[in-house]
Amino acid sequence: MEDVQFVCAACDKSYEGNLKDVMTECRVCGRIHCKDCVDEHGQCVECADRKPAKK
């Protein structure tokens, strides 16, 4: 069985092997990203940047 490769949609970093610990879905756009590109609120970097800051 071949290792599946995953490329993060935000940072383009590629991963191989067990991807359960690497992949996270953004709660806003639904795209799959690596955990480094998703914040503590479940938003990817791109969606977090587009959301207006709360005052």
PDB file of N, CA and C in Angstrom:
ATOM      1  N   MET A   1       0.838  -1.175   0.000  1.00  0.00           N
ATOM      2  CA  MET A   1       0.000   0.000   0.000  1.00  0.00           C
ATOM      3  C   MET A   1       0.890   1.248   0.000  1.00  0.00           C
ATOM      4  N   GLU A   2       0.592   2.181  -0.868  1.00  0.00           N
ATOM      5  CA  GLU A   2       1.394   3.390  -0.999  1.00  0.00           C
ATOM      6  C   GLU A   2       0.990   4.422   0.049  1.00  0.00           C
ATOM      7  N   ASP A   3       1.949   5.245   0.470  1.00  0.00           N
ATOM      8  CA  ASP A   3       1.653   6.351   1.369  1.00  0.00           C
ATOM      9  C   ASP A   3       0.889   7.415   0.601  1.00  0.00           C
ATOM     10  N   VAL A   4      -0.135   7.941   1.217  1.00  0.00           N
ATOM     11  CA  VAL A   4      -0.919   9.001   0.608  1.00  0.00           C
ATOM     12  C   VAL A   4      -0.201  10.314   0.875  1.00  0.00           C
ATOM     13  N   GLN A   5      -0.180  11.192  -0.104  1.00  0.00           N
ATOM     14  CA  GLN A   5       0.470  12.486   0.069  1.00  0.00           C
ATOM     15  C   GLN A   5      -0.598  13.568   0.188  1.00  0.00           C
ATOM     16  N   PHE A   6      -0.375  14.495   1.094  1.00  0.00           N
ATOM     17  CA  PHE A   6      -1.288  15.616   1.330  1.00  0.00           C
ATOM     18  C   PHE A   6      -0.503  16.905   1.182  1.00  0.00           C
ATOM     19  N   VAL A   7      -1.072  17.863   0.458  1.00  0.00           N
ATOM     20  CA  VAL A   7      -0.460  19.183   0.306  1.00  0.00           C
ATOM     21  C   VAL A   7      -1.423  20.200   0.892  1.00  0.00           C
ATOM     22  N   CYS A   8      -0.957  20.979   1.853  1.00  0.00           N
ATOM     23  CA  CYS A   8      -1.784  21.986   2.513  1.00  0.00           C
ATOM     24  C   CYS A   8      -2.199  23.058   1.509  1.00  0.00           C
ATOM     25  N   ALA A   9      -3.469  23.424   1.533  1.00  0.00           N
ATOM     26  CA  ALA A   9      -3.997  24.430   0.605  1.00  0.00           C
ATOM     27  C   ALA A   9      -3.473  25.827   0.901  1.00  0.00           C
ATOM     28  N   ALA A  10      -3.021  26.080   2.124  1.00  0.00           N
ATOM     29  CA  ALA A  10      -2.564  27.426   2.487  1.00  0.00           C
ATOM     30  C   ALA A  10      -1.063  27.615   2.317  1.00  0.00           C
ATOM     31  N   CYS A  11      -0.267  26.663   2.821  1.00  0.00           N
ATOM     32  CA  CYS A  11       1.190  26.869   2.810  1.00  0.00           C
ATOM     33  C   CYS A  11       1.917  26.016   1.773  1.00  0.00           C
ATOM     34  N   ASP A  12       1.219  25.129   1.081  1.00  0.00           N
ATOM     35  CA  ASP A  12       1.779  24.246   0.051  1.00  0.00           C
ATOM     36  C   ASP A  12       2.819  23.254   0.579  1.00  0.00           C
ATOM     37  N   LYS A  13       2.882  23.060   1.893  1.00  0.00           N
ATOM     38  CA  LYS A  13       3.790  22.068   2.460  1.00  0.00           C
ATOM     39  C   LYS A  13       3.182  20.687   2.253  1.00  0.00           C
ATOM     40  N   SER A  14       4.001  19.708   1.834  1.00  0.00           N
ATOM     41  CA  SER A  14       3.472  18.375   1.577  1.00  0.00           C
ATOM     42  C   SER A  14       3.813  17.420   2.713  1.00  0.00           C
ATOM     43  N   TYR A  15       2.920  16.469   2.930  1.00  0.00           N
ATOM     44  CA  TYR A  15       3.049  15.489   4.005  1.00  0.00           C
ATOM     45  C   TYR A  15       2.791  14.109   3.432  1.00  0.00           C
ATOM     46  N   GLU A  16       3.430  13.098   4.018  1.00  0.00           N
ATOM     47  CA  GLU A  16       3.222  11.711   3.619  1.00  0.00           C
ATOM     48  C   GLU A  16       3.010  10.871   4.867  1.00  0.00           C
ATOM     49  N   GLY A  17       2.445   9.690   4.679  1.00  0.00           N
ATOM     50  CA  GLY A  17       2.284   8.764   5.797  1.00  0.00           C
ATOM     51  C   GLY A  17       0.951   8.955   6.493  1.00  0.00           C
ATOM     52  N   ASN A  18       0.952   8.820   7.835  1.00  0.00           N
ATOM     53  CA  ASN A  18      -0.269   8.937   8.628  1.00  0.00           C
ATOM     54  C   ASN A  18      -0.707  10.393   8.686  1.00  0.00           C
ATOM     55  N   LEU A  19      -1.796  10.706   8.021  1.00  0.00           N
ATOM     56  CA  LEU A  19      -2.224  12.097   7.887  1.00  0.00           C
ATOM     57  C   LEU A  19      -3.275  12.503   8.906  1.00  0.00           C
ATOM     58  N   LYS A  20      -3.744  11.575   9.738  1.00  0.00           N
ATOM     59  CA  LYS A  20      -4.781  11.897  10.716  1.00  0.00           C
ATOM     60  C   LYS A  20      -4.330  12.988  11.672  1.00  0.00           C
ATOM     61  N   ASP A  21      -3.046  13.030  11.999  1.00  0.00           N
ATOM     62  CA  ASP A  21      -2.523  14.014  12.940  1.00  0.00           C
ATOM     63  C   ASP A  21      -2.131  15.319  12.262  1.00  0.00           C
ATOM     64  N   VAL A  22      -2.213  15.383  10.940  1.00  0.00           N
ATOM     65  CA  VAL A  22      -1.746  16.550  10.192  1.00  0.00           C
ATOM     66  C   VAL A  22      -2.901  17.375   9.637  1.00  0.00           C
ATOM     67  N   MET A  23      -3.912  16.713   9.107  1.00  0.00           N
ATOM     68  CA  MET A  23      -4.972  17.404   8.386  1.00  0.00           C
ATOM     69  C   MET A  23      -6.051  17.950   9.319  1.00  0.00           C
ATOM     70  N   THR A  24      -6.483  19.186   9.044  1.00  0.00           N
ATOM     71  CA  THR A  24      -7.563  19.830   9.784  1.00  0.00           C
ATOM     72  C   THR A  24      -8.434  20.586   8.797  1.00  0.00           C
ATOM     73  N   GLU A  25      -9.753  20.494   8.970  1.00  0.00           N
ATOM     74  CA  GLU A  25     -10.678  21.204   8.090  1.00  0.00           C
ATOM     75  C   GLU A  25     -11.003  22.571   8.687  1.00  0.00           C
ATOM     76  N   CYS A  26     -10.960  23.593   7.861  1.00  0.00           N
ATOM     77  CA  CYS A  26     -11.337  24.943   8.291  1.00  0.00           C
ATOM     78  C   CYS A  26     -12.847  24.979   8.509  1.00  0.00           C
ATOM     79  N   ARG A  27     -13.279  25.545   9.619  1.00  0.00           N
ATOM     80  CA  ARG A  27     -14.711  25.638   9.921  1.00  0.00           C
ATOM     81  C   ARG A  27     -15.429  26.652   9.054  1.00  0.00           C
ATOM     82  N   VAL A  28     -14.695  27.555   8.432  1.00  0.00           N
ATOM     83  CA  VAL A  28     -15.312  28.603   7.614  1.00  0.00           C
ATOM     84  C   VAL A  28     -15.433  28.169   6.155  1.00  0.00           C
ATOM     85  N   CYS A  29     -14.296  27.819   5.526  1.00  0.00           N
ATOM     86  CA  CYS A  29     -14.307  27.506   4.090  1.00  0.00           C
ATOM     87  C   CYS A  29     -14.398  26.008   3.801  1.00  0.00           C
ATOM     88  N   GLY A  30     -14.100  25.161   4.788  1.00  0.00           N
ATOM     89  CA  GLY A  30     -14.209  23.720   4.609  1.00  0.00           C
ATOM     90  C   GLY A  30     -13.035  23.071   3.909  1.00  0.00           C
ATOM     91  N   ARG A  31     -12.005  23.855   3.537  1.00  0.00           N
ATOM     92  CA  ARG A  31     -10.827  23.279   2.889  1.00  0.00           C
ATOM     93  C   ARG A  31      -9.950  22.591   3.940  1.00  0.00           C
ATOM     94  N   ILE A  32      -9.144  21.653   3.477  1.00  0.00           N
ATOM     95  CA  ILE A  32      -8.263  20.892   4.362  1.00  0.00           C
ATOM     96  C   ILE A  32      -6.902  21.570   4.412  1.00  0.00           C
ATOM     97  N   HIS A  33      -6.397  21.783   5.614  1.00  0.00           N
ATOM     98  CA  HIS A  33      -5.106  22.435   5.844  1.00  0.00           C
ATOM     99  C   HIS A  33      -4.301  21.616   6.845  1.00  0.00           C
ATOM    100  N   CYS A  34      -3.006  21.913   6.949  1.00  0.00           N
ATOM    101  CA  CYS A  34      -2.205  21.326   8.013  1.00  0.00           C
ATOM    102  C   CYS A  34      -2.541  22.068   9.304  1.00  0.00           C
ATOM    103  N   LYS A  35      -2.259  21.456  10.444  1.00  0.00           N
ATOM    104  CA  LYS A  35      -2.606  22.068  11.731  1.00  0.00           C
ATOM    105  C   LYS A  35      -1.905  23.398  11.951  1.00  0.00           C
ATOM    106  N   ASP A  36      -0.753  23.616  11.329  1.00  0.00           N
ATOM    107  CA  ASP A  36      -0.032  24.881  11.485  1.00  0.00           C
ATOM    108  C   ASP A  36      -0.773  26.046  10.843  1.00  0.00           C
ATOM    109  N   CYS A  37      -1.658  25.775   9.888  1.00  0.00           N
ATOM    110  CA  CYS A  37      -2.362  26.832   9.169  1.00  0.00           C
ATOM    111  C   CYS A  37      -3.795  27.037   9.663  1.00  0.00           C
ATOM    112  N   VAL A  38      -4.170  26.384  10.769  1.00  0.00           N
ATOM    113  CA  VAL A  38      -5.500  26.541  11.350  1.00  0.00           C
ATOM    114  C   VAL A  38      -5.328  27.038  12.781  1.00  0.00           C
ATOM    115  N   ASP A  39      -6.063  28.103  13.136  1.00  0.00           N
ATOM    116  CA  ASP A  39      -5.906  28.674  14.474  1.00  0.00           C
ATOM    117  C   ASP A  39      -6.733  27.922  15.517  1.00  0.00           C
ATOM    118  N   GLU A  40      -6.703  28.405  16.755  1.00  0.00           N
ATOM    119  CA  GLU A  40      -7.394  27.736  17.854  1.00  0.00           C
ATOM    120  C   GLU A  40      -8.914  27.791  17.717  1.00  0.00           C
ATOM    121  N   HIS A  41      -9.422  28.624  16.814  1.00  0.00           N
ATOM    122  CA  HIS A  41     -10.859  28.725  16.576  1.00  0.00           C
ATOM    123  C   HIS A  41     -11.316  27.879  15.389  1.00  0.00           C
ATOM    124  N   GLY A  42     -10.393  27.137  14.787  1.00  0.00           N
ATOM    125  CA  GLY A  42     -10.739  26.273  13.665  1.00  0.00           C
ATOM    126  C   GLY A  42     -10.791  26.972  12.331  1.00  0.00           C
ATOM    127  N   GLN A  43     -10.221  28.171  12.246  1.00  0.00           N
ATOM    128  CA  GLN A  43     -10.205  28.925  10.994  1.00  0.00           C
ATOM    129  C   GLN A  43      -8.823  28.867  10.374  1.00  0.00           C
ATOM    130  N   CYS A  44      -8.772  28.709   9.050  1.00  0.00           N
ATOM    131  CA  CYS A  44      -7.489  28.750   8.373  1.00  0.00           C
ATOM    132  C   CYS A  44      -6.962  30.179   8.373  1.00  0.00           C
ATOM    133  N   VAL A  45      -5.712  30.350   8.067  1.00  0.00           N
ATOM    134  CA  VAL A  45      -5.071  31.663   8.082  1.00  0.00           C
ATOM    135  C   VAL A  45      -5.798  32.639   7.161  1.00  0.00           C
ATOM    136  N   GLU A  46      -6.169  32.186   5.975  1.00  0.00           N
ATOM    137  CA  GLU A  46      -6.837  33.054   5.007  1.00  0.00           C
ATOM    138  C   GLU A  46      -8.195  33.530   5.519  1.00  0.00           C
ATOM    139  N   CYS A  47      -8.988  32.637   6.097  1.00  0.00           N
ATOM    140  CA  CYS A  47     -10.315  33.013   6.600  1.00  0.00           C
ATOM    141  C   CYS A  47     -10.194  33.917   7.827  1.00  0.00           C
ATOM    142  N   ALA A  48      -9.226  33.671   8.682  1.00  0.00           N
ATOM    143  CA  ALA A  48      -9.016  34.505   9.867  1.00  0.00           C
ATOM    144  C   ALA A  48      -8.619  35.916   9.466  1.00  0.00           C
ATOM    145  N   ASP A  49      -7.822  36.061   8.397  1.00  0.00           N
ATOM    146  CA  ASP A  49      -7.404  37.373   7.928  1.00  0.00           C
ATOM    147  C   ASP A  49      -8.557  38.164   7.311  1.00  0.00           C
ATOM    148  N   ARG A  50      -9.526  37.475   6.703  1.00  0.00           N
ATOM    149  CA  ARG A  50     -10.658  38.138   6.062  1.00  0.00           C
ATOM    150  C   ARG A  50     -11.719  38.583   7.062  1.00  0.00           C
ATOM    151  N   LYS A  51     -11.773  37.931   8.218  1.00  0.00           N
ATOM    152  CA  LYS A  51     -12.786  38.238   9.228  1.00  0.00           C
ATOM    153  C   LYS A  51     -12.422  39.551   9.925  1.00  0.00           C
ATOM    154  N   PRO A  52     -13.368  40.484  10.054  1.00  0.00           N
ATOM    155  CA  PRO A  52     -13.050  41.744  10.739  1.00  0.00           C
ATOM    156  C   PRO A  52     -12.739  41.514  12.204  1.00  0.00           C
ATOM    157  N   ALA A  53     -11.783  42.255  12.720  1.00  0.00           N
ATOM    158  CA  ALA A  53     -11.378  42.119  14.122  1.00  0.00           C
ATOM    159  C   ALA A  53     -12.456  42.677  15.037  1.00  0.00           C
ATOM    160  N   LYS A  54     -12.703  41.958  16.137  1.00  0.00           N
ATOM    161  CA  LYS A  54     -13.670  42.443  17.121  1.00  0.00           C
ATOM    162  C   LYS A  54     -13.018  43.481  18.005  1.00  0.00           C
ATOM    163  N   LYS A  55     -13.769  44.533  18.330  1.00  0.00           N
ATOM    164  CA  LYS A  55     -13.236  45.601  19.183  1.00  0.00           C
ATOM    165  C   LYS A  55     -13.794  45.519  20.561  1.00  0.00           C
TER     166      LYS A  55
END
